[in-house]
Amino acid sequence: MNTALNTIVVHIEENVDEETFRDLERGMRSERSVVSFSRSPGHNHLMVVTYDAAAAEASSLLHNFDDRGLHAQLIGM
């Protein structure tokens, strides 16, 4: 199996509280392309996502943020 992993940083306009983060984490981890999802330490508005680029595009992962009323944009890495 040849997996092309990409890591992106997602900037969220809002600061994300613990409950919202856990809900977002569940949503992201349910994506079959997502390998890991975490918060940037000390920055509740930055999320780090590693995903299989052969299975999804970075922009398609943003729906998880939109579904929760969050305003997010890709920063890249």
N, C-alpha and C. Protein backbone atom coordinates (compact mmCIF):
# COMPACT_ATOMS: atom_id res chain seq x y z
N MET A 1 0.85 -1.18 0.00
CA MET A 1 0.00 0.00 0.00
C MET A 1 0.88 1.23 0.00
N ASN A 2 0.58 2.18 -0.87
CA ASN A 2 1.34 3.40 -0.98
C ASN A 2 0.49 4.55 -0.45
N THR A 3 0.79 5.05 0.74
CA THR A 3 0.00 6.10 1.35
C THR A 3 0.77 7.41 1.29
N ALA A 4 0.12 8.43 0.78
CA ALA A 4 0.72 9.77 0.71
C ALA A 4 0.10 10.61 1.82
N LEU A 5 0.81 10.74 2.92
CA LEU A 5 0.29 11.50 4.05
C LEU A 5 0.63 12.97 3.91
N ASN A 6 -0.36 13.80 4.18
CA ASN A 6 -0.18 15.25 4.21
C ASN A 6 -0.57 15.74 5.59
N THR A 7 0.11 16.79 6.04
CA THR A 7 -0.25 17.43 7.30
C THR A 7 -0.57 18.88 7.01
N ILE A 8 -1.71 19.32 7.55
CA ILE A 8 -2.13 20.70 7.37
C ILE A 8 -2.44 21.31 8.73
N VAL A 9 -2.41 22.62 8.77
CA VAL A 9 -2.86 23.35 9.95
C VAL A 9 -4.13 24.08 9.53
N VAL A 10 -5.13 23.98 10.37
CA VAL A 10 -6.40 24.66 10.12
C VAL A 10 -6.55 25.77 11.14
N HIS A 11 -6.73 26.98 10.65
CA HIS A 11 -6.95 28.13 11.54
C HIS A 11 -8.45 28.33 11.69
N ILE A 12 -8.89 28.43 12.93
CA ILE A 12 -10.31 28.65 13.23
C ILE A 12 -10.43 30.05 13.83
N GLU A 13 -11.35 30.84 13.33
CA GLU A 13 -11.53 32.20 13.82
C GLU A 13 -11.90 32.22 15.31
N GLU A 14 -12.69 31.24 15.71
CA GLU A 14 -13.15 31.18 17.10
C GLU A 14 -12.14 30.39 17.95
N ASN A 15 -12.07 30.71 19.26
CA ASN A 15 -11.36 29.83 20.18
C ASN A 15 -12.27 28.66 20.46
N VAL A 16 -11.74 27.45 20.44
CA VAL A 16 -12.54 26.25 20.57
C VAL A 16 -12.46 25.74 22.01
N ASP A 17 -13.64 25.63 22.65
CA ASP A 17 -13.67 25.11 24.02
C ASP A 17 -13.53 23.59 23.99
N GLU A 18 -13.38 22.99 25.16
CA GLU A 18 -13.11 21.55 25.26
C GLU A 18 -14.24 20.71 24.67
N GLU A 19 -15.47 21.06 24.93
CA GLU A 19 -16.61 20.29 24.42
C GLU A 19 -16.66 20.33 22.89
N THR A 20 -16.47 21.51 22.33
CA THR A 20 -16.47 21.65 20.87
C THR A 20 -15.30 20.89 20.25
N PHE A 21 -14.14 20.96 20.92
CA PHE A 21 -12.97 20.23 20.41
C PHE A 21 -13.24 18.73 20.38
N ARG A 22 -13.81 18.18 21.43
CA ARG A 22 -14.09 16.73 21.48
C ARG A 22 -15.08 16.34 20.39
N ASP A 23 -16.10 17.16 20.19
CA ASP A 23 -17.07 16.88 19.13
C ASP A 23 -16.40 16.94 17.76
N LEU A 24 -15.57 17.94 17.55
CA LEU A 24 -14.84 18.08 16.30
C LEU A 24 -13.87 16.92 16.11
N GLU A 25 -13.22 16.52 17.17
CA GLU A 25 -12.29 15.39 17.11
C GLU A 25 -13.00 14.10 16.69
N ARG A 26 -14.18 13.85 17.25
CA ARG A 26 -14.96 12.67 16.86
C ARG A 26 -15.31 12.72 15.37
N GLY A 27 -15.72 13.90 14.91
CA GLY A 27 -16.07 14.05 13.51
C GLY A 27 -14.88 13.83 12.59
N MET A 28 -13.74 14.39 12.96
CA MET A 28 -12.54 14.24 12.13
C MET A 28 -12.05 12.80 12.13
N ARG A 29 -12.06 12.15 13.26
CA ARG A 29 -11.58 10.77 13.34
C ARG A 29 -12.52 9.79 12.64
N SER A 30 -13.76 10.20 12.39
CA SER A 30 -14.68 9.33 11.66
C SER A 30 -14.40 9.37 10.15
N GLU A 31 -13.64 10.37 9.71
CA GLU A 31 -13.23 10.44 8.31
C GLU A 31 -12.20 9.35 8.06
N ARG A 32 -12.42 8.49 7.10
CA ARG A 32 -11.48 7.39 6.88
C ARG A 32 -10.12 7.86 6.42
N SER A 33 -10.02 9.05 5.88
CA SER A 33 -8.74 9.57 5.40
C SER A 33 -7.88 10.19 6.51
N VAL A 34 -8.49 10.54 7.65
CA VAL A 34 -7.76 11.22 8.71
C VAL A 34 -6.96 10.21 9.54
N VAL A 35 -5.66 10.48 9.65
CA VAL A 35 -4.75 9.62 10.40
C VAL A 35 -4.59 10.16 11.83
N SER A 36 -4.47 11.48 11.97
CA SER A 36 -4.38 12.08 13.30
C SER A 36 -4.97 13.48 13.28
N PHE A 37 -5.43 13.90 14.45
CA PHE A 37 -6.06 15.20 14.62
C PHE A 37 -5.72 15.70 16.01
N SER A 38 -5.22 16.90 16.11
CA SER A 38 -4.87 17.45 17.43
C SER A 38 -4.93 18.96 17.41
N ARG A 39 -4.89 19.52 18.60
CA ARG A 39 -4.82 20.97 18.77
C ARG A 39 -3.37 21.38 18.88
N SER A 40 -3.07 22.53 18.39
CA SER A 40 -1.73 23.07 18.59
C SER A 40 -1.63 23.51 20.05
N PRO A 41 -0.66 23.00 20.81
CA PRO A 41 -0.56 23.33 22.24
C PRO A 41 -0.56 24.84 22.49
N GLY A 42 -1.46 25.26 23.37
CA GLY A 42 -1.55 26.67 23.74
C GLY A 42 -2.28 27.55 22.74
N HIS A 43 -2.77 26.96 21.65
CA HIS A 43 -3.47 27.73 20.62
C HIS A 43 -4.78 27.02 20.27
N ASN A 44 -5.84 27.35 21.00
CA ASN A 44 -7.12 26.67 20.81
C ASN A 44 -7.79 26.97 19.48
N HIS A 45 -7.19 27.80 18.67
CA HIS A 45 -7.77 28.12 17.36
C HIS A 45 -6.98 27.50 16.21
N LEU A 46 -5.99 26.66 16.53
CA LEU A 46 -5.21 25.98 15.49
C LEU A 46 -5.30 24.47 15.65
N MET A 47 -5.68 23.78 14.59
CA MET A 47 -5.78 22.33 14.60
C MET A 47 -4.79 21.76 13.58
N VAL A 48 -4.20 20.63 13.93
CA VAL A 48 -3.25 19.96 13.06
C VAL A 48 -3.89 18.65 12.61
N VAL A 49 -3.97 18.47 11.29
CA VAL A 49 -4.62 17.29 10.72
C VAL A 49 -3.64 16.58 9.78
N THR A 50 -3.45 15.29 10.01
CA THR A 50 -2.68 14.47 9.08
C THR A 50 -3.67 13.53 8.42
N TYR A 51 -3.62 13.47 7.10
CA TYR A 51 -4.61 12.68 6.36
C TYR A 51 -3.95 12.02 5.15
N ASP A 52 -4.63 11.03 4.63
CA ASP A 52 -4.19 10.30 3.44
C ASP A 52 -4.65 11.10 2.22
N ALA A 53 -3.70 11.69 1.52
CA ALA A 53 -4.03 12.54 0.38
C ALA A 53 -4.61 11.75 -0.80
N ALA A 54 -4.40 10.44 -0.82
CA ALA A 54 -4.99 9.62 -1.87
C ALA A 54 -6.48 9.39 -1.64
N ALA A 55 -6.93 9.61 -0.40
CA ALA A 55 -8.33 9.34 -0.05
C ALA A 55 -9.17 10.61 0.08
N ALA A 56 -8.54 11.77 0.22
CA ALA A 56 -9.29 13.02 0.40
C ALA A 56 -8.44 14.21 0.04
N GLU A 57 -9.11 15.31 -0.22
CA GLU A 57 -8.43 16.58 -0.42
C GLU A 57 -8.57 17.38 0.86
N ALA A 58 -7.59 18.20 1.16
CA ALA A 58 -7.61 18.99 2.39
C ALA A 58 -8.88 19.83 2.50
N SER A 59 -9.27 20.44 1.41
CA SER A 59 -10.46 21.30 1.46
C SER A 59 -11.73 20.54 1.81
N SER A 60 -11.78 19.25 1.47
CA SER A 60 -12.98 18.46 1.79
C SER A 60 -13.11 18.20 3.28
N LEU A 61 -12.02 18.30 4.02
CA LEU A 61 -12.07 18.07 5.46
C LEU A 61 -12.68 19.25 6.22
N LEU A 62 -12.77 20.39 5.57
CA LEU A 62 -13.30 21.59 6.23
C LEU A 62 -14.78 21.48 6.58
N HIS A 63 -15.50 20.56 5.95
CA HIS A 63 -16.93 20.45 6.25
C HIS A 63 -17.16 20.12 7.72
N ASN A 64 -16.23 19.41 8.36
CA ASN A 64 -16.36 19.10 9.78
C ASN A 64 -16.40 20.36 10.63
N PHE A 65 -15.67 21.37 10.22
CA PHE A 65 -15.65 22.64 10.94
C PHE A 65 -16.92 23.43 10.63
N ASP A 66 -17.28 23.49 9.35
CA ASP A 66 -18.49 24.20 8.93
C ASP A 66 -19.73 23.63 9.60
N ASP A 67 -19.81 22.30 9.71
CA ASP A 67 -20.96 21.64 10.33
C ASP A 67 -21.17 22.07 11.77
N ARG A 68 -20.13 22.56 12.41
CA ARG A 68 -20.20 22.97 13.81
C ARG A 68 -20.25 24.49 13.96
N GLY A 69 -20.48 25.17 12.85
CA GLY A 69 -20.61 26.63 12.87
C GLY A 69 -19.29 27.36 13.06
N LEU A 70 -18.17 26.67 12.79
CA LEU A 70 -16.86 27.27 12.95
C LEU A 70 -16.37 27.83 11.62
N HIS A 71 -15.67 28.91 11.68
CA HIS A 71 -15.11 29.56 10.48
C HIS A 71 -13.65 29.16 10.38
N ALA A 72 -13.34 28.27 9.43
CA ALA A 72 -11.99 27.70 9.35
C ALA A 72 -11.40 27.90 7.97
N GLN A 73 -10.07 27.97 7.96
CA GLN A 73 -9.34 28.05 6.69
C GLN A 73 -8.06 27.24 6.79
N LEU A 74 -7.63 26.71 5.67
CA LEU A 74 -6.41 25.94 5.62
C LEU A 74 -5.20 26.88 5.65
N ILE A 75 -4.20 26.50 6.43
CA ILE A 75 -2.95 27.25 6.45
C ILE A 75 -1.89 26.48 5.68
N GLY A 76 -1.88 25.17 5.81
CA GLY A 76 -0.87 24.35 5.16
C GLY A 76 0.31 24.10 6.09
N MET A 77 1.29 23.34 5.60
CA MET A 77 2.45 23.04 6.43
C MET A 77 3.62 22.67 5.58
